[in-house]
Amino acid sequence: MHHPPTAIIAIVVAMLTAGTAASQNVNQAAQTVKDVMQTMTIPASDAICSAASEPPKDEPQWVALRASAVARALVTEAEATLKAIDTLGT
């Protein structure tokens, strides 16, 4: 079984942390969440769902699909973490 390259995972983590660390107020945070949805969550989900009807045919396509799955998982984990932090503040 092939694993996604560490560099791809590092890039995804850097993108997630850069987007959330840059926002300091509510308006910026809302924009950042929208950006994450449009640039990471939706494309990753689309790629995963598309694979059900048209599976990857070669190794580069499998690598791209795995990267999408990792990105989606990281976004889901980040969302859960932010929700947990938010509940601690209330």
Protein backbone atom coordinates (compact mmCIF):
# COMPACT_ATOMS: atom_id res chain seq x y z
CA MET A 1 0.00 0.00 0.00
CA HIS A 2 1.35 3.41 -0.97
CA HIS A 3 1.21 6.29 1.45
CA PRO A 4 0.89 9.94 0.42
CA PRO A 5 4.22 11.71 0.31
CA THR A 6 5.16 13.49 3.51
CA ALA A 7 5.67 16.71 1.56
CA ILE A 8 2.01 16.79 0.49
CA ILE A 9 0.86 16.30 4.07
CA ALA A 10 3.24 19.03 5.25
CA ILE A 11 1.92 21.43 2.62
CA VAL A 12 -1.69 20.74 3.58
CA VAL A 13 -0.93 21.26 7.27
CA ALA A 14 0.93 24.48 6.49
CA MET A 15 -2.01 25.75 4.43
CA LEU A 16 -4.44 24.98 7.24
CA THR A 17 -2.36 26.57 9.95
CA ALA A 18 -1.49 29.62 7.86
CA GLY A 19 -5.14 30.32 7.14
CA THR A 20 -6.29 29.99 10.73
CA ALA A 21 -3.28 31.66 12.35
CA ALA A 22 -3.60 34.74 10.15
CA SER A 23 -7.14 35.54 11.29
CA GLN A 24 -7.44 37.42 14.55
CA ASN A 25 -10.97 38.79 14.55
CA VAL A 26 -14.39 37.35 13.74
CA ASN A 27 -14.70 38.95 10.29
CA GLN A 28 -11.32 37.65 9.21
CA ALA A 29 -12.09 34.22 10.66
CA ALA A 30 -15.34 34.00 8.69
CA GLN A 31 -13.48 34.85 5.50
CA THR A 32 -10.80 32.28 6.31
CA VAL A 33 -13.39 29.54 6.86
CA LYS A 34 -14.96 30.40 3.51
CA ASP A 35 -11.53 30.30 1.88
CA VAL A 36 -10.77 26.90 3.42
CA MET A 37 -14.12 25.57 2.22
CA GLN A 38 -13.61 26.85 -1.32
CA THR A 39 -9.95 25.96 -1.68
CA MET A 40 -9.67 22.72 0.28
CA THR A 41 -12.85 21.14 1.58
CA ILE A 42 -15.02 21.29 -1.53
CA PRO A 43 -12.32 20.31 -4.06
CA ALA A 44 -11.14 17.43 -1.85
CA SER A 45 -14.69 16.18 -1.34
CA ASP A 46 -15.42 16.46 -5.07
CA ALA A 47 -12.30 14.45 -5.92
CA ILE A 48 -13.22 11.72 -3.46
CA CYS A 49 -16.82 11.49 -4.67
CA SER A 50 -15.74 11.50 -8.33
CA ALA A 51 -13.52 8.50 -7.67
CA ALA A 52 -16.63 6.42 -6.97
CA SER A 53 -17.81 6.75 -10.56
CA GLU A 54 -14.41 7.14 -12.23
CA PRO A 55 -11.64 5.45 -10.21
CA PRO A 56 -8.01 6.53 -10.66
CA LYS A 57 -6.30 4.72 -13.52
CA ASP A 58 -2.63 5.29 -12.74
CA GLU A 59 -0.28 6.09 -9.88
CA PRO A 60 -0.35 9.90 -10.25
CA GLN A 61 -4.15 9.86 -10.08
CA TRP A 62 -4.01 7.65 -6.97
CA VAL A 63 -1.50 10.01 -5.36
CA ALA A 64 -3.78 12.97 -6.10
CA LEU A 65 -6.79 11.12 -4.66
CA ARG A 66 -4.87 10.20 -1.52
CA ALA A 67 -3.79 13.82 -1.12
CA SER A 68 -7.43 14.89 -1.40
CA ALA A 69 -8.43 12.37 1.25
CA VAL A 70 -5.67 13.56 3.58
CA ALA A 71 -6.65 17.20 3.01
CA ARG A 72 -10.30 16.40 3.75
CA ALA A 73 -9.35 14.50 6.90
CA LEU A 74 -7.16 17.36 8.12
CA VAL A 75 -9.92 19.90 7.51
CA THR A 76 -12.38 17.69 9.41
CA GLU A 77 -9.93 17.38 12.30
CA ALA A 78 -9.30 21.13 12.33
CA GLU A 79 -13.05 21.80 12.36
CA ALA A 80 -13.51 19.47 15.33
CA THR A 81 -10.62 21.09 17.18
CA LEU A 82 -11.96 24.60 16.58
CA LYS A 83 -15.44 23.55 17.75
CA ALA A 84 -13.92 22.09 20.92
CA ILE A 85 -11.98 25.28 21.56
CA ASP A 86 -15.09 27.36 20.91
CA THR A 87 -17.12 25.38 23.46
CA LEU A 88 -14.41 25.92 26.07
CA GLY A 89 -14.78 29.67 25.67
CA THR A 90 -18.54 29.68 26.31
